[in-house]
Amino acid sequence: MSQAIPESALDTIFRTARTYRRSADAWLDKPVDDALLRAAFDLAKLAPTSANCSPGRFVFVRSPEAKEKLKAAMSHDNIPQTMAAPATVIVAADQTFYEHLPRLYKEDDSAITWFKGKPDAISATAFRNSSLQGAYFIIAARALGLDCGPMSGFNNAKVDELFFAGTSIKSNFLINVGYGNPAVIRPREERYAFDEVCRIA
């Protein structure tokens, strides 16, 4: 049976966690090593996905050369924070994820037929589930002591051309990852109350 995690862990993952963005000052000059990125992925890969399809693909952009390549696809306002972040994760989705279902989903050996030749089902499933995997990556990174700055504000087609040319992979969104600078955090914007946007049916 599952047990609630401590309040301090909920603070780390949700209540005190913030999105670091807007400027190069958003990030401390502190590197993120490979082991920590691998550890975050090893947690995020446990996200629930449709038939365990796991379409998410992740590129950790960290070297100066890779950052310069990514810069060409960024909107102007997102360049400073992205170049300053120790790593930027391209969260993407493999459009041929269903080919791996015989390995990943042994419960039903016909699962591949749910998607093969059905572009609408492929696109919707890849987008939905890679988004879910990316969200789990944010939670995992925060749980391991990292800060995140998820964002749109880039040219998907350009990112696909630069990082996924010749493949069936398409970018979804980006996450800057590192150690945020608390000095630049603005007051948290308002959130809806339960009764404003929820109902129990």
Protein backbone atom coordinates (compact mmCIF):
# COMPACT_ATOMS: atom_id res chain seq x y z
CA MET A 1 0.00 0.00 0.00
CA SER A 2 1.27 3.48 -0.87
CA GLN A 3 2.08 5.93 1.90
CA ALA A 4 2.06 9.73 1.84
CA ILE A 5 5.50 11.28 1.52
CA PRO A 6 6.64 13.78 4.16
CA GLU A 7 5.43 17.38 4.03
CA SER A 8 9.02 18.48 3.44
CA ALA A 9 9.14 16.41 0.26
CA LEU A 10 5.87 17.94 -0.93
CA ASP A 11 7.41 21.36 -0.30
CA THR A 12 10.47 20.46 -2.40
CA ILE A 13 8.49 19.08 -5.32
CA PHE A 14 5.51 21.44 -5.31
CA ARG A 15 5.00 24.19 -2.75
CA THR A 16 8.40 25.88 -2.74
CA ALA A 17 9.49 24.75 -6.21
CA ARG A 18 9.50 27.51 -8.80
CA THR A 19 10.01 27.92 -12.52
CA TYR A 20 13.34 29.62 -13.19
CA ARG A 21 13.19 31.81 -16.28
CA ARG A 22 13.39 35.24 -17.89
CA SER A 23 17.13 36.01 -17.72
CA ALA A 24 20.66 34.66 -17.59
CA ASP A 25 20.63 35.51 -13.87
CA ALA A 26 18.02 32.78 -13.30
CA TRP A 27 20.72 30.13 -12.94
CA LEU A 28 23.65 29.75 -10.58
CA ASP A 29 27.01 28.94 -12.14
CA LYS A 30 26.98 25.37 -10.89
CA PRO A 31 27.23 22.37 -13.22
CA VAL A 32 24.89 19.38 -13.28
CA ASP A 33 26.79 16.14 -13.74
CA ASP A 34 25.84 13.16 -15.86
CA ALA A 35 25.01 10.97 -12.88
CA LEU A 36 22.31 13.37 -11.70
CA LEU A 37 20.72 13.61 -15.15
CA ARG A 38 20.73 9.83 -15.40
CA ALA A 39 19.19 9.52 -11.93
CA ALA A 40 16.40 11.95 -12.89
CA PHE A 41 15.66 9.98 -16.04
CA ASP A 42 15.66 6.69 -14.14
CA LEU A 43 12.84 8.07 -11.99
CA ALA A 44 10.98 9.77 -14.84
CA LYS A 45 10.93 6.61 -16.96
CA LEU A 46 8.56 5.10 -14.38
CA ALA A 47 5.81 7.50 -15.47
CA PRO A 48 2.59 5.77 -16.49
CA THR A 49 2.06 5.82 -20.26
CA SER A 50 -0.56 4.23 -22.51
CA ALA A 51 0.27 0.51 -22.79
CA ASN A 52 3.73 1.42 -21.42
CA CYS A 53 4.41 2.92 -24.86
CA SER A 54 7.06 5.31 -23.48
CA PRO A 55 7.37 7.54 -26.57
CA GLY A 56 9.47 10.17 -24.77
CA ARG A 57 12.98 10.78 -26.04
CA PHE A 58 15.34 13.15 -24.20
CA VAL A 59 18.35 15.10 -25.41
CA PHE A 60 20.41 16.79 -22.69
CA VAL A 61 21.93 19.83 -24.34
CA ARG A 62 24.94 20.88 -22.30
CA SER A 63 28.09 21.37 -24.35
CA PRO A 64 28.84 24.87 -25.71
CA GLU A 65 28.55 23.50 -29.26
CA ALA A 66 25.15 21.94 -28.65
CA LYS A 67 23.94 25.07 -26.85
CA GLU A 68 24.93 27.21 -29.84
CA LYS A 69 23.04 24.85 -32.12
CA LEU A 70 19.93 25.06 -29.94
CA LYS A 71 20.23 28.85 -29.77
CA ALA A 72 19.38 29.05 -33.47
CA ALA A 73 15.93 27.63 -32.75
CA MET A 74 15.08 29.71 -29.66
CA SER A 75 12.80 32.70 -29.52
CA HIS A 76 14.74 35.85 -28.64
CA ASP A 77 13.39 36.17 -25.10
CA ASN A 78 14.33 32.61 -24.20
CA ILE A 79 17.95 32.74 -25.36
CA PRO A 80 19.59 34.25 -22.22
CA GLN A 81 18.08 31.80 -19.75
CA THR A 82 18.71 28.84 -22.03
CA MET A 83 22.33 29.69 -22.68
CA ALA A 84 22.94 30.22 -18.97
CA ALA A 85 21.28 27.01 -17.79
CA PRO A 86 23.72 24.16 -17.06
CA ALA A 87 21.59 21.85 -19.21
CA THR A 88 18.54 22.09 -21.42
CA VAL A 89 16.42 19.01 -21.95
CA ILE A 90 14.69 18.57 -25.28
CA VAL A 91 11.63 16.50 -24.48
CA ALA A 92 10.62 14.80 -27.71
CA ALA A 93 8.44 11.94 -28.92
CA ASP A 94 9.24 9.02 -31.20
CA GLN A 95 6.48 8.76 -33.78
CA THR A 96 7.28 5.07 -34.28
CA PHE A 97 7.01 4.23 -30.58
CA TYR A 98 4.49 1.48 -31.37
CA GLU A 99 7.18 -0.63 -33.02
CA HIS A 100 8.61 -1.26 -29.54
CA LEU A 101 5.33 -2.41 -27.98
CA PRO A 102 6.18 -6.13 -28.32
CA ARG A 103 9.06 -5.44 -25.92
CA LEU A 104 7.35 -2.95 -23.62
CA TYR A 105 3.77 -4.25 -23.45
CA LYS A 106 3.60 -8.02 -23.30
CA GLU A 107 0.06 -8.05 -21.92
CA ASP A 108 -1.41 -7.89 -25.44
CA ASP A 109 0.64 -9.05 -28.41
CA SER A 110 -1.67 -7.23 -30.82
CA ALA A 111 -1.02 -3.77 -29.32
CA ILE A 112 1.09 -2.70 -32.28
CA THR A 113 -2.03 -2.84 -34.47
CA TRP A 114 -3.68 -0.16 -32.32
CA PHE A 115 -1.33 2.37 -33.90
CA LYS A 116 0.32 1.07 -37.07
CA GLY A 117 -1.09 2.92 -40.06
CA LYS A 118 -3.17 5.23 -37.85
CA PRO A 119 -1.44 8.63 -37.91
CA ASP A 120 -4.00 10.42 -35.73
CA ALA A 121 -3.70 7.82 -32.97
CA ILE A 122 0.10 7.88 -33.26
CA SER A 123 0.33 11.67 -33.04
CA ALA A 124 -2.11 12.03 -30.13
CA THR A 125 -0.56 9.20 -28.15
CA ALA A 126 3.02 10.34 -28.74
CA PHE A 127 2.23 13.92 -27.75
CA ARG A 128 0.14 13.08 -24.69
CA ASN A 129 2.50 10.51 -23.26
CA SER A 130 5.76 12.34 -23.98
CA SER A 131 4.22 15.36 -22.23
CA LEU A 132 3.46 13.14 -19.26
CA GLN A 133 7.01 11.78 -19.25
CA GLY A 134 8.39 15.31 -19.42
CA ALA A 135 6.25 16.33 -16.45
CA TYR A 136 7.53 13.35 -14.50
CA PHE A 137 11.08 14.41 -15.37
CA ILE A 138 10.41 17.81 -13.76
CA ILE A 139 9.13 16.10 -10.61
CA ALA A 140 12.12 13.74 -10.57
CA ALA A 141 14.63 16.57 -11.08
CA ARG A 142 13.08 18.60 -8.27
CA ALA A 143 13.07 15.57 -5.98
CA LEU A 144 16.83 15.23 -6.59
CA GLY A 145 17.52 18.85 -5.71
CA LEU A 146 17.51 20.41 -9.17
CA ASP A 147 15.45 23.36 -10.39
CA CYS A 148 13.60 23.48 -13.69
CA GLY A 149 12.45 26.01 -16.24
CA PRO A 150 10.06 24.29 -18.66
CA MET A 151 9.19 26.34 -21.73
CA SER A 152 7.84 26.64 -25.20
CA GLY A 153 9.13 29.64 -27.15
CA PHE A 154 11.21 27.82 -29.73
CA ASN A 155 10.88 26.62 -33.31
CA ASN A 156 9.95 22.93 -33.15
CA ALA A 157 10.71 22.33 -36.82
CA LYS A 158 14.16 23.87 -36.42
CA VAL A 159 14.92 21.80 -33.33
CA ASP A 160 13.83 18.68 -35.21
CA GLU A 161 16.07 19.62 -38.12
CA LEU A 162 19.07 20.29 -35.87
CA PHE A 163 18.77 17.39 -33.43
CA PHE A 164 16.53 14.73 -34.98
CA ALA A 165 17.16 14.89 -38.73
CA GLY A 166 16.55 11.57 -40.46
CA THR A 167 14.64 10.12 -37.51
CA SER A 168 11.00 9.65 -36.51
CA ILE A 169 11.43 11.86 -33.45
CA LYS A 170 9.69 15.23 -33.02
CA SER A 171 10.33 17.78 -30.28
CA ASN A 172 7.61 18.58 -27.76
CA PHE A 173 8.94 21.11 -25.22
CA LEU A 174 12.14 22.19 -23.46
CA ILE A 175 13.23 22.17 -19.82
CA ASN A 176 16.15 24.22 -18.56
CA VAL A 177 17.74 22.35 -15.65
CA GLY A 178 20.20 23.41 -13.00
CA TYR A 179 20.36 25.27 -9.72
CA GLY A 180 18.08 28.27 -9.69
CA ASN A 181 19.05 31.66 -8.33
CA PRO A 182 16.52 32.50 -5.59
CA ALA A 183 17.40 36.19 -5.87
CA VAL A 184 15.52 36.50 -9.18
CA ILE A 185 12.30 34.77 -8.15
CA ARG A 186 9.18 36.90 -8.41
CA PRO A 187 6.12 36.43 -6.18
CA ARG A 188 4.15 33.36 -7.18
CA GLU A 189 1.18 34.09 -9.43
CA GLU A 190 -2.30 33.24 -8.21
CA ARG A 191 -3.70 29.73 -8.66
CA TYR A 192 -7.34 28.66 -8.86
CA ALA A 193 -9.10 27.28 -5.81
CA PHE A 194 -10.53 23.76 -6.04
CA ASP A 195 -14.14 24.89 -6.27
CA GLU A 196 -13.38 27.27 -9.16
CA VAL A 197 -12.17 24.64 -11.59
CA CYS A 198 -13.07 21.26 -10.14
CA ARG A 199 -16.14 19.24 -9.36
CA ILE A 200 -16.67 15.80 -7.92
CA ALA A 201 -19.26 13.96 -10.01
